[in-house]
Amino acid sequence: MIDQAHIFILLVSPSFLASDFIWDKELPAMKDRVQKIGALLLPVVLSRCLWKNVCDAIQAVPKDKGQLKPIGDWEAPTHGFVQAHEEIADAIARHFSVPMQSFDWSAK
């Protein structure tokens, strides 16, 4: 399915980085897709690790005060996941030039 994807969300952790399958099969295929069609690659750093081996700080999420902060380092990891979700939605909207939509809860 990598050869049909337009968005890749990587859940980066020590286990992710230790996977030969990811390094040998998935990342090269994703890189090819990014280069060929401009697919969007969004790394989500789950815990402290050598994430810079896969991505740079500009594209990795979640960020706190402009700095990458792994989800495991947030006081409440739920807040890290919410922040990552917001940044992913924003990146997708920008990349594909689609306006962000919100649901009006007050409408009847």
PDB file of N, CA and C in Angstrom:
ATOM      1  N   MET A   1       0.793  -1.193   0.000  1.00  0.00           N
ATOM      2  CA  MET A   1       0.000   0.000   0.000  1.00  0.00           C
ATOM      3  C   MET A   1       0.848   1.275   0.000  1.00  0.00           C
ATOM      4  N   ILE A   2       2.116   1.159   0.360  1.00  0.00           N
ATOM      5  CA  ILE A   2       2.981   2.334   0.368  1.00  0.00           C
ATOM      6  C   ILE A   2       3.001   2.988  -1.009  1.00  0.00           C
ATOM      7  N   ASP A   3       2.952   2.179  -2.053  1.00  0.00           N
ATOM      8  CA  ASP A   3       3.031   2.726  -3.404  1.00  0.00           C
ATOM      9  C   ASP A   3       1.769   3.471  -3.837  1.00  0.00           C
ATOM     10  N   GLN A   4       0.748   3.521  -2.970  1.00  0.00           N
ATOM     11  CA  GLN A   4      -0.474   4.259  -3.277  1.00  0.00           C
ATOM     12  C   GLN A   4      -0.739   5.387  -2.284  1.00  0.00           C
ATOM     13  N   ALA A   5       0.045   5.467  -1.218  1.00  0.00           N
ATOM     14  CA  ALA A   5      -0.218   6.438  -0.154  1.00  0.00           C
ATOM     15  C   ALA A   5       0.211   7.849  -0.533  1.00  0.00           C
ATOM     16  N   HIS A   6      -0.487   8.806   0.034  1.00  0.00           N
ATOM     17  CA  HIS A   6      -0.149  10.212  -0.137  1.00  0.00           C
ATOM     18  C   HIS A   6       0.299  10.829   1.185  1.00  0.00           C
ATOM     19  N   ILE A   7       0.062  10.115   2.280  1.00  0.00           N
ATOM     20  CA  ILE A   7       0.441  10.582   3.617  1.00  0.00           C
ATOM     21  C   ILE A   7       1.056   9.416   4.375  1.00  0.00           C
ATOM     22  N   PHE A   8       2.184   9.690   5.029  1.00  0.00           N
ATOM     23  CA  PHE A   8       2.818   8.697   5.900  1.00  0.00           C
ATOM     24  C   PHE A   8       2.953   9.307   7.290  1.00  0.00           C
ATOM     25  N   ILE A   9       2.403   8.651   8.277  1.00  0.00           N
ATOM     26  CA  ILE A   9       2.558   9.087   9.665  1.00  0.00           C
ATOM     27  C   ILE A   9       3.406   8.023  10.355  1.00  0.00           C
ATOM     28  N   LEU A  10       4.613   8.429  10.747  1.00  0.00           N
ATOM     29  CA  LEU A  10       5.559   7.510  11.380  1.00  0.00           C
ATOM     30  C   LEU A  10       5.476   7.666  12.886  1.00  0.00           C
ATOM     31  N   LEU A  11       5.270   6.590  13.603  1.00  0.00           N
ATOM     32  CA  LEU A  11       5.250   6.610  15.064  1.00  0.00           C
ATOM     33  C   LEU A  11       6.649   6.214  15.529  1.00  0.00           C
ATOM     34  N   VAL A  12       7.467   7.227  15.786  1.00  0.00           N
ATOM     35  CA  VAL A  12       8.894   7.030  16.020  1.00  0.00           C
ATOM     36  C   VAL A  12       9.164   6.730  17.492  1.00  0.00           C
ATOM     37  N   SER A  13       9.840   5.618  17.715  1.00  0.00           N
ATOM     38  CA  SER A  13      10.199   5.154  19.058  1.00  0.00           C
ATOM     39  C   SER A  13      11.493   4.351  18.916  1.00  0.00           C
ATOM     40  N   PRO A  14      12.092   3.942  20.026  1.00  0.00           N
ATOM     41  CA  PRO A  14      13.277   3.088  19.912  1.00  0.00           C
ATOM     42  C   PRO A  14      12.995   1.801  19.122  1.00  0.00           C
ATOM     43  N   SER A  15      11.816   1.213  19.299  1.00  0.00           N
ATOM     44  CA  SER A  15      11.470  -0.011  18.575  1.00  0.00           C
ATOM     45  C   SER A  15      11.358   0.243  17.075  1.00  0.00           C
ATOM     46  N   PHE A  16      10.773   1.377  16.702  1.00  0.00           N
ATOM     47  CA  PHE A  16      10.682   1.771  15.294  1.00  0.00           C
ATOM     48  C   PHE A  16      12.080   1.859  14.701  1.00  0.00           C
ATOM     49  N   LEU A  17      12.970   2.544  15.403  1.00  0.00           N
ATOM     50  CA  LEU A  17      14.333   2.743  14.901  1.00  0.00           C
ATOM     51  C   LEU A  17      15.141   1.445  14.863  1.00  0.00           C
ATOM     52  N   ALA A  18      14.769   0.476  15.683  1.00  0.00           N
ATOM     53  CA  ALA A  18      15.500  -0.794  15.734  1.00  0.00           C
ATOM     54  C   ALA A  18      15.019  -1.802  14.692  1.00  0.00           C
ATOM     55  N   SER A  19      13.976  -1.462  13.963  1.00  0.00           N
ATOM     56  CA  SER A  19      13.385  -2.406  13.015  1.00  0.00           C
ATOM     57  C   SER A  19      14.128  -2.420  11.677  1.00  0.00           C
ATOM     58  N   ASP A  20      14.714  -3.558  11.344  1.00  0.00           N
ATOM     59  CA  ASP A  20      15.369  -3.713  10.045  1.00  0.00           C
ATOM     60  C   ASP A  20      14.348  -3.606   8.911  1.00  0.00           C
ATOM     61  N   PHE A  21      13.150  -4.116   9.132  1.00  0.00           N
ATOM     62  CA  PHE A  21      12.110  -4.062   8.107  1.00  0.00           C
ATOM     63  C   PHE A  21      11.793  -2.610   7.747  1.00  0.00           C
ATOM     64  N   ILE A  22      11.676  -1.751   8.749  1.00  0.00           N
ATOM     65  CA  ILE A  22      11.390  -0.333   8.491  1.00  0.00           C
ATOM     66  C   ILE A  22      12.526   0.286   7.691  1.00  0.00           C
ATOM     67  N   TRP A  23      13.776   0.050   8.112  1.00  0.00           N
ATOM     68  CA  TRP A  23      14.935   0.655   7.439  1.00  0.00           C
ATOM     69  C   TRP A  23      15.155   0.090   6.034  1.00  0.00           C
ATOM     70  N   ASP A  24      14.953  -1.219   5.883  1.00  0.00           N
ATOM     71  CA  ASP A  24      15.263  -1.866   4.612  1.00  0.00           C
ATOM     72  C   ASP A  24      14.125  -1.824   3.589  1.00  0.00           C
ATOM     73  N   LYS A  25      12.894  -1.809   4.052  1.00  0.00           N
ATOM     74  CA  LYS A  25      11.744  -1.894   3.141  1.00  0.00           C
ATOM     75  C   LYS A  25      10.884  -0.633   3.146  1.00  0.00           C
ATOM     76  N   GLU A  26      10.393  -0.267   4.327  1.00  0.00           N
ATOM     77  CA  GLU A  26       9.390   0.798   4.378  1.00  0.00           C
ATOM     78  C   GLU A  26       9.946   2.199   4.121  1.00  0.00           C
ATOM     79  N   LEU A  27      11.017   2.582   4.811  1.00  0.00           N
ATOM     80  CA  LEU A  27      11.540   3.938   4.619  1.00  0.00           C
ATOM     81  C   LEU A  27      12.006   4.207   3.184  1.00  0.00           C
ATOM     82  N   PRO A  28      12.715   3.271   2.541  1.00  0.00           N
ATOM     83  CA  PRO A  28      13.082   3.539   1.137  1.00  0.00           C
ATOM     84  C   PRO A  28      11.852   3.698   0.229  1.00  0.00           C
ATOM     85  N   ALA A  29      10.829   2.892   0.453  1.00  0.00           N
ATOM     86  CA  ALA A  29       9.609   3.003  -0.357  1.00  0.00           C
ATOM     87  C   ALA A  29       8.899   4.329  -0.093  1.00  0.00           C
ATOM     88  N   MET A  30       8.883   4.752   1.159  1.00  0.00           N
ATOM     89  CA  MET A  30       8.273   6.043   1.493  1.00  0.00           C
ATOM     90  C   MET A  30       9.063   7.198   0.879  1.00  0.00           C
ATOM     91  N   LYS A  31      10.377   7.110   0.970  1.00  0.00           N
ATOM     92  CA  LYS A  31      11.222   8.159   0.396  1.00  0.00           C
ATOM     93  C   LYS A  31      10.971   8.271  -1.105  1.00  0.00           C
ATOM     94  N   ASP A  32      10.863   7.148  -1.761  1.00  0.00           N
ATOM     95  CA  ASP A  32      10.594   7.139  -3.195  1.00  0.00           C
ATOM     96  C   ASP A  32       9.256   7.810  -3.496  1.00  0.00           C
ATOM     97  N   ARG A  33       8.262   7.513  -2.700  1.00  0.00           N
ATOM     98  CA  ARG A  33       6.928   8.088  -2.892  1.00  0.00           C
ATOM     99  C   ARG A  33       6.942   9.599  -2.638  1.00  0.00           C
ATOM    100  N   VAL A  34       7.667  10.019  -1.622  1.00  0.00           N
ATOM    101  CA  VAL A  34       7.785  11.447  -1.323  1.00  0.00           C
ATOM    102  C   VAL A  34       8.438  12.160  -2.503  1.00  0.00           C
ATOM    103  N   GLN A  35       9.494  11.575  -3.037  1.00  0.00           N
ATOM    104  CA  GLN A  35      10.201  12.206  -4.160  1.00  0.00           C
ATOM    105  C   GLN A  35       9.377  12.191  -5.443  1.00  0.00           C
ATOM    106  N   LYS A  36       8.642  11.109  -5.690  1.00  0.00           N
ATOM    107  CA  LYS A  36       7.891  10.987  -6.941  1.00  0.00           C
ATOM    108  C   LYS A  36       6.642  11.857  -6.984  1.00  0.00           C
ATOM    109  N   ILE A  37       5.846  11.848  -5.913  1.00  0.00           N
ATOM    110  CA  ILE A  37       4.560  12.543  -5.975  1.00  0.00           C
ATOM    111  C   ILE A  37       4.416  13.648  -4.923  1.00  0.00           C
ATOM    112  N   GLY A  38       5.446  13.825  -4.104  1.00  0.00           N
ATOM    113  CA  GLY A  38       5.333  14.843  -3.061  1.00  0.00           C
ATOM    114  C   GLY A  38       4.469  14.399  -1.897  1.00  0.00           C
ATOM    115  N   ALA A  39       4.463  13.097  -1.615  1.00  0.00           N
ATOM    116  CA  ALA A  39       3.697  12.592  -0.476  1.00  0.00           C
ATOM    117  C   ALA A  39       4.158  13.294   0.803  1.00  0.00           C
ATOM    118  N   LEU A  40       3.284  13.366   1.754  1.00  0.00           N
ATOM    119  CA  LEU A  40       3.562  14.032   3.026  1.00  0.00           C
ATOM    120  C   LEU A  40       4.049  13.004   4.038  1.00  0.00           C
ATOM    121  N   LEU A  41       5.179  13.276   4.663  1.00  0.00           N
ATOM    122  CA  LEU A  41       5.760  12.406   5.677  1.00  0.00           C
ATOM    123  C   LEU A  41       5.722  13.136   7.010  1.00  0.00           C
ATOM    124  N   LEU A  42       5.021  12.572   7.988  1.00  0.00           N
ATOM    125  CA  LEU A  42       4.850  13.215   9.293  1.00  0.00           C
ATOM    126  C   LEU A  42       5.309  12.290  10.415  1.00  0.00           C
ATOM    127  N   PRO A  43       6.503  12.517  10.950  1.00  0.00           N
ATOM    128  CA  PRO A  43       6.967  11.715  12.084  1.00  0.00           C
ATOM    129  C   PRO A  43       6.351  12.219  13.391  1.00  0.00           C
ATOM    130  N   VAL A  44       5.816  11.306  14.166  1.00  0.00           N
ATOM    131  CA  VAL A  44       5.306  11.600  15.507  1.00  0.00           C
ATOM    132  C   VAL A  44       6.267  10.909  16.469  1.00  0.00           C
ATOM    133  N   VAL A  45       6.981  11.699  17.257  1.00  0.00           N
ATOM    134  CA  VAL A  45       7.974  11.129  18.167  1.00  0.00           C
ATOM    135  C   VAL A  45       7.258  10.735  19.462  1.00  0.00           C
ATOM    136  N   LEU A  46       7.224   9.427  19.709  1.00  0.00           N
ATOM    137  CA  LEU A  46       6.511   8.907  20.870  1.00  0.00           C
ATOM    138  C   LEU A  46       7.338   8.967  22.140  1.00  0.00           C
ATOM    139  N   SER A  47       8.620   8.681  22.017  1.00  0.00           N
ATOM    140  CA  SER A  47       9.477   8.667  23.195  1.00  0.00           C
ATOM    141  C   SER A  47      10.886   9.083  22.790  1.00  0.00           C
ATOM    142  N   ARG A  48      11.695   9.380  23.796  1.00  0.00           N
ATOM    143  CA  ARG A  48      13.071   9.803  23.514  1.00  0.00           C
ATOM    144  C   ARG A  48      13.814   8.705  22.767  1.00  0.00           C
ATOM    145  N   CYS A  49      14.427   9.112  21.667  1.00  0.00           N
ATOM    146  CA  CYS A  49      15.194   8.185  20.851  1.00  0.00           C
ATOM    147  C   CYS A  49      15.989   9.018  19.852  1.00  0.00           C
ATOM    148  N   LEU A  50      16.736   8.362  19.018  1.00  0.00           N
ATOM    149  CA  LEU A  50      17.536   9.067  18.009  1.00  0.00           C
ATOM    150  C   LEU A  50      16.670   9.366  16.790  1.00  0.00           C
ATOM    151  N   TRP A  51      15.580  10.080  17.005  1.00  0.00           N
ATOM    152  CA  TRP A  51      14.617  10.388  15.951  1.00  0.00           C
ATOM    153  C   TRP A  51      15.233  11.173  14.805  1.00  0.00           C
ATOM    154  N   LYS A  52      16.313  11.896  15.064  1.00  0.00           N
ATOM    155  CA  LYS A  52      16.950  12.674  14.002  1.00  0.00           C
ATOM    156  C   LYS A  52      17.509  11.789  12.897  1.00  0.00           C
ATOM    157  N   ASN A  53      17.640  10.480  13.154  1.00  0.00           N
ATOM    158  CA  ASN A  53      18.088   9.552  12.110  1.00  0.00           C
ATOM    159  C   ASN A  53      17.033   9.410  11.007  1.00  0.00           C
ATOM    160  N   VAL A  54      15.778   9.747  11.315  1.00  0.00           N
ATOM    161  CA  VAL A  54      14.681   9.569  10.372  1.00  0.00           C
ATOM    162  C   VAL A  54      14.144  10.897   9.848  1.00  0.00           C
ATOM    163  N   CYS A  55      14.175  11.915  10.667  1.00  0.00           N
ATOM    164  CA  CYS A  55      13.530  13.175  10.285  1.00  0.00           C
ATOM    165  C   CYS A  55      14.254  14.346  10.929  1.00  0.00           C
ATOM    166  N   ASP A  56      13.872  15.538  10.504  1.00  0.00           N
ATOM    167  CA  ASP A  56      14.447  16.694  11.163  1.00  0.00           C
ATOM    168  C   ASP A  56      13.404  17.358  12.046  1.00  0.00           C
ATOM    169  N   ALA A  57      13.836  18.269  12.886  1.00  0.00           N
ATOM    170  CA  ALA A  57      12.956  18.877  13.881  1.00  0.00           C
ATOM    171  C   ALA A  57      11.842  19.704  13.263  1.00  0.00           C
ATOM    172  N   ILE A  58      12.031  20.184  12.045  1.00  0.00           N
ATOM    173  CA  ILE A  58      11.011  21.029  11.429  1.00  0.00           C
ATOM    174  C   ILE A  58       9.733  20.243  11.171  1.00  0.00           C
ATOM    175  N   GLN A  59       9.858  18.998  10.734  1.00  0.00           N
ATOM    176  CA  GLN A  59       8.663  18.257  10.369  1.00  0.00           C
ATOM    177  C   GLN A  59       8.134  17.349  11.476  1.00  0.00           C
ATOM    178  N   ALA A  60       8.922  17.048  12.495  1.00  0.00           N
ATOM    179  CA  ALA A  60       8.489  16.122  13.535  1.00  0.00           C
ATOM    180  C   ALA A  60       7.527  16.803  14.505  1.00  0.00           C
ATOM    181  N   VAL A  61       6.609  16.043  15.036  1.00  0.00           N
ATOM    182  CA  VAL A  61       5.635  16.525  16.011  1.00  0.00           C
ATOM    183  C   VAL A  61       5.588  15.552  17.176  1.00  0.00           C
ATOM    184  N   PRO A  62       5.094  15.957  18.337  1.00  0.00           N
ATOM    185  CA  PRO A  62       4.468  17.229  18.691  1.00  0.00           C
ATOM    186  C   PRO A  62       5.500  18.237  19.202  1.00  0.00           C
ATOM    187  N   LYS A  63       5.097  19.487  19.111  1.00  0.00           N
ATOM    188  CA  LYS A  63       5.967  20.565  19.585  1.00  0.00           C
ATOM    189  C   LYS A  63       5.318  21.265  20.770  1.00  0.00           C
ATOM    190  N   ASP A  64       6.168  21.723  21.659  1.00  0.00           N
ATOM    191  CA  ASP A  64       5.736  22.518  22.803  1.00  0.00           C
ATOM    192  C   ASP A  64       6.599  23.775  22.804  1.00  0.00           C
ATOM    193  N   LYS A  65       5.971  24.917  22.666  1.00  0.00           N
ATOM    194  CA  LYS A  65       6.680  26.197  22.595  1.00  0.00           C
ATOM    195  C   LYS A  65       7.712  26.192  21.469  1.00  0.00           C
ATOM    196  N   GLY A  66       7.338  25.599  20.335  1.00  0.00           N
ATOM    197  CA  GLY A  66       8.204  25.591  19.162  1.00  0.00           C
ATOM    198  C   GLY A  66       9.288  24.534  19.153  1.00  0.00           C
ATOM    199  N   GLN A  67       9.408  23.753  20.198  1.00  0.00           N
ATOM    200  CA  GLN A  67      10.440  22.715  20.285  1.00  0.00           C
ATOM    201  C   GLN A  67       9.804  21.329  20.305  1.00  0.00           C
ATOM    202  N   LEU A  68      10.422  20.398  19.585  1.00  0.00           N
ATOM    203  CA  LEU A  68       9.921  19.028  19.595  1.00  0.00           C
ATOM    204  C   LEU A  68       9.938  18.490  21.021  1.00  0.00           C
ATOM    205  N   LYS A  69       8.842  17.862  21.399  1.00  0.00           N
ATOM    206  CA  LYS A  69       8.738  17.259  22.729  1.00  0.00           C
ATOM    207  C   LYS A  69       8.065  15.898  22.565  1.00  0.00           C
ATOM    208  N   PRO A  70       8.821  14.808  22.737  1.00  0.00           N
ATOM    209  CA  PRO A  70       8.222  13.477  22.578  1.00  0.00           C
ATOM    210  C   PRO A  70       6.979  13.326  23.460  1.00  0.00           C
ATOM    211  N   ILE A  71       6.003  12.599  22.968  1.00  0.00           N
ATOM    212  CA  ILE A  71       4.749  12.426  23.702  1.00  0.00           C
ATOM    213  C   ILE A  71       4.991  11.902  25.104  1.00  0.00           C
ATOM    214  N   GLY A  72       5.936  11.004  25.269  1.00  0.00           N
ATOM    215  CA  GLY A  72       6.231  10.457  26.592  1.00  0.00           C
ATOM    216  C   GLY A  72       6.775  11.476  27.577  1.00  0.00           C
ATOM    217  N   ASP A  73       7.240  12.619  27.095  1.00  0.00           N
ATOM    218  CA  ASP A  73       7.783  13.659  27.976  1.00  0.00           C
ATOM    219  C   ASP A  73       6.738  14.671  28.430  1.00  0.00           C
ATOM    220  N   TRP A  74       5.533  14.618  27.862  1.00  0.00           N
ATOM    221  CA  TRP A  74       4.484  15.545  28.280  1.00  0.00           C
ATOM    222  C   TRP A  74       4.004  15.143  29.672  1.00  0.00           C
ATOM    223  N   GLU A  75       3.650  16.138  30.478  1.00  0.00           N
ATOM    224  CA  GLU A  75       3.167  15.831  31.841  1.00  0.00           C
ATOM    225  C   GLU A  75       1.988  14.864  31.767  1.00  0.00           C
ATOM    226  N   ALA A  76       1.091  15.130  30.831  1.00  0.00           N
ATOM    227  CA  ALA A  76      -0.004  14.203  30.543  1.00  0.00           C
ATOM    228  C   ALA A  76       0.159  13.790  29.080  1.00  0.00           C
ATOM    229  N   PRO A  77       0.541  12.543  28.820  1.00  0.00           N
ATOM    230  CA  PRO A  77       0.736  12.115  27.437  1.00  0.00           C
ATOM    231  C   PRO A  77      -0.470  12.406  26.539  1.00  0.00           C
ATOM    232  N   THR A  78      -1.664  12.418  27.117  1.00  0.00           N
ATOM    233  CA  THR A  78      -2.852  12.743  26.335  1.00  0.00           C
ATOM    234  C   THR A  78      -2.707  14.107  25.676  1.00  0.00           C
ATOM    235  N   HIS A  79      -2.109  15.062  26.396  1.00  0.00           N
ATOM    236  CA  HIS A  79      -1.899  16.397  25.834  1.00  0.00           C
ATOM    237  C   HIS A  79      -0.924  16.342  24.652  1.00  0.00           C
ATOM    238  N   GLY A  80       0.069  15.486  24.743  1.00  0.00           N
ATOM    239  CA  GLY A  80       1.002  15.307  23.640  1.00  0.00           C
ATOM    240  C   GLY A  80       0.310  14.731  22.414  1.00  0.00           C
ATOM    241  N   PHE A  81      -0.585  13.765  22.630  1.00  0.00           N
ATOM    242  CA  PHE A  81      -1.333  13.195  21.508  1.00  0.00           C
ATOM    243  C   PHE A  81      -2.267  14.227  20.886  1.00  0.00           C
ATOM    244  N   VAL A  82      -2.919  15.037  21.711  1.00  0.00           N
ATOM    245  CA  VAL A  82      -3.805  16.089  21.191  1.00  0.00           C
ATOM    246  C   VAL A  82      -2.991  17.089  20.370  1.00  0.00           C
ATOM    247  N   GLN A  83      -1.839  17.496  20.892  1.00  0.00           N
ATOM    248  CA  GLN A  83      -0.984  18.442  20.168  1.00  0.00           C
ATOM    249  C   GLN A  83      -0.521  17.837  18.842  1.00  0.00           C
ATOM    250  N   ALA A  84      -0.122  16.571  18.858  1.00  0.00           N
ATOM    251  CA  ALA A  84       0.307  15.902  17.628  1.00  0.00           C
ATOM    252  C   ALA A  84      -0.850  15.861  16.626  1.00  0.00           C
ATOM    253  N   HIS A  85      -2.041  15.552  17.101  1.00  0.00           N
ATOM    254  CA  HIS A  85      -3.222  15.511  16.234  1.00  0.00           C
ATOM    255  C   HIS A  85      -3.450  16.862  15.567  1.00  0.00           C
ATOM    256  N   GLU A  86      -3.374  17.935  16.334  1.00  0.00           N
ATOM    257  CA  GLU A  86      -3.587  19.276  15.787  1.00  0.00           C
ATOM    258  C   GLU A  86      -2.523  19.621  14.746  1.00  0.00           C
ATOM    259  N   GLU A  87      -1.276  19.284  15.035  1.00  0.00           N
ATOM    260  CA  GLU A  87      -0.192  19.586  14.095  1.00  0.00           C
ATOM    261  C   GLU A  87      -0.298  18.746  12.826  1.00  0.00           C
ATOM    262  N   ILE A  88      -0.720  17.499  12.966  1.00  0.00           N
ATOM    263  CA  ILE A  88      -0.904  16.638  11.799  1.00  0.00           C
ATOM    264  C   ILE A  88      -2.031  17.195  10.920  1.00  0.00           C
ATOM    265  N   ALA A  89      -3.145  17.548  11.533  1.00  0.00           N
ATOM    266  CA  ALA A  89      -4.274  18.102  10.769  1.00  0.00           C
ATOM    267  C   ALA A  89      -3.854  19.378  10.049  1.00  0.00           C
ATOM    268  N   ASP A  90      -3.110  20.235  10.724  1.00  0.00           N
ATOM    269  CA  ASP A  90      -2.641  21.483  10.113  1.00  0.00           C
ATOM    270  C   ASP A  90      -1.686  21.198   8.948  1.00  0.00           C
ATOM    271  N   ALA A  91      -0.763  20.261   9.128  1.00  0.00           N
ATOM    272  CA  ALA A  91       0.197  19.929   8.074  1.00  0.00           C
ATOM    273  C   ALA A  91      -0.515  19.354   6.845  1.00  0.00           C
ATOM    274  N   ILE A  92      -1.513  18.518   7.064  1.00  0.00           N
ATOM    275  CA  ILE A  92      -2.267  17.942   5.951  1.00  0.00           C
ATOM    276  C   ILE A  92      -3.015  19.046   5.204  1.00  0.00           C
ATOM    277  N   ALA A  93      -3.654  19.932   5.960  1.00  0.00           N
ATOM    278  CA  ALA A  93      -4.397  21.034   5.329  1.00  0.00           C
ATOM    279  C   ALA A  93      -3.471  21.915   4.497  1.00  0.00           C
ATOM    280  N   ARG A  94      -2.306  22.243   5.038  1.00  0.00           N
ATOM    281  CA  ARG A  94      -1.342  23.078   4.301  1.00  0.00           C
ATOM    282  C   ARG A  94      -0.790  22.359   3.078  1.00  0.00           C
ATOM    283  N   HIS A  95      -0.386  21.119   3.265  1.00  0.00           N
ATOM    284  CA  HIS A  95       0.258  20.357   2.198  1.00  0.00           C
ATOM    285  C   HIS A  95      -0.677  20.155   1.002  1.00  0.00           C
ATOM    286  N   PHE A  96      -1.931  19.854   1.298  1.00  0.00           N
ATOM    287  CA  PHE A  96      -2.877  19.561   0.234  1.00  0.00           C
ATOM    288  C   PHE A  96      -3.787  20.752  -0.085  1.00  0.00           C
ATOM    289  N   SER A  97      -3.491  21.897   0.515  1.00  0.00           N
ATOM    290  CA  SER A  97      -4.269  23.128   0.286  1.00  0.00           C
ATOM    291  C   SER A  97      -5.767  22.916   0.505  1.00  0.00           C
ATOM    292  N   VAL A  98      -6.075  22.278   1.635  1.00  0.00           N
ATOM    293  CA  VAL A  98      -7.473  22.053   1.979  1.00  0.00           C
ATOM    294  C   VAL A  98      -7.787  22.859   3.239  1.00  0.00           C
ATOM    295  N   PRO A  99      -8.893  23.591   3.242  1.00  0.00           N
ATOM    296  CA  PRO A  99      -9.216  24.365   4.439  1.00  0.00           C
ATOM    297  C   PRO A  99      -9.566  23.451   5.607  1.00  0.00           C
ATOM    298  N   MET A 100      -9.181  23.874   6.790  1.00  0.00           N
ATOM    299  CA  MET A 100      -9.532  23.129   7.998  1.00  0.00           C
ATOM    300  C   MET A 100     -11.028  23.279   8.228  1.00  0.00           C
ATOM    301  N   GLN A 101     -11.678  22.205   8.599  1.00  0.00           N
ATOM    302  CA  GLN A 101     -13.105  22.255   8.889  1.00  0.00           C
ATOM    303  C   GLN A 101     -13.316  22.001  10.360  1.00  0.00           C
ATOM    304  N   SER A 102     -14.301  22.668  10.895  1.00  0.00           N
ATOM    305  CA  SER A 102     -14.653  22.408  12.286  1.00  0.00           C
ATOM    306  C   SER A 102     -16.153  22.178  12.358  1.00  0.00           C
ATOM    307  N   PHE A 103     -16.565  21.514  13.384  1.00  0.00           N
ATOM    308  CA  PHE A 103     -17.968  21.177  13.577  1.00  0.00           C
ATOM    309  C   PHE A 103     -18.572  22.192  14.524  1.00  0.00           C
ATOM    310  N   ASP A 104     -19.696  22.773  14.131  1.00  0.00           N
ATOM    311  CA  ASP A 104     -20.382  23.756  14.959  1.00  0.00           C
ATOM    312  C   ASP A 104     -21.306  23.009  15.927  1.00  0.00           C
ATOM    313  N   TRP A 105     -20.879  22.897  17.163  1.00  0.00           N
ATOM    314  CA  TRP A 105     -21.647  22.192  18.172  1.00  0.00           C
ATOM    315  C   TRP A 105     -22.883  22.957  18.633  1.00  0.00           C
ATOM    316  N   SER A 106     -22.907  24.273  18.370  1.00  0.00           N
ATOM    317  CA  SER A 106     -24.034  25.085  18.829  1.00  0.00           C
ATOM    318  C   SER A 106     -25.203  25.047  17.850  1.00  0.00           C
ATOM    319  N   ALA A 107     -24.980  24.612  16.622  1.00  0.00           N
ATOM    320  CA  ALA A 107     -26.053  24.569  15.612  1.00  0.00           C
ATOM    321  C   ALA A 107     -27.061  23.487  15.965  1.00  0.00           C
ATOM    322  N   LYS A 108     -28.317  23.797  15.679  1.00  0.00           N
ATOM    323  CA  LYS A 108     -29.375  22.817  15.993  1.00  0.00           C
ATOM    324  C   LYS A 108     -29.852  22.123  14.756  1.00  0.00           C
TER     325      LYS A 108
END
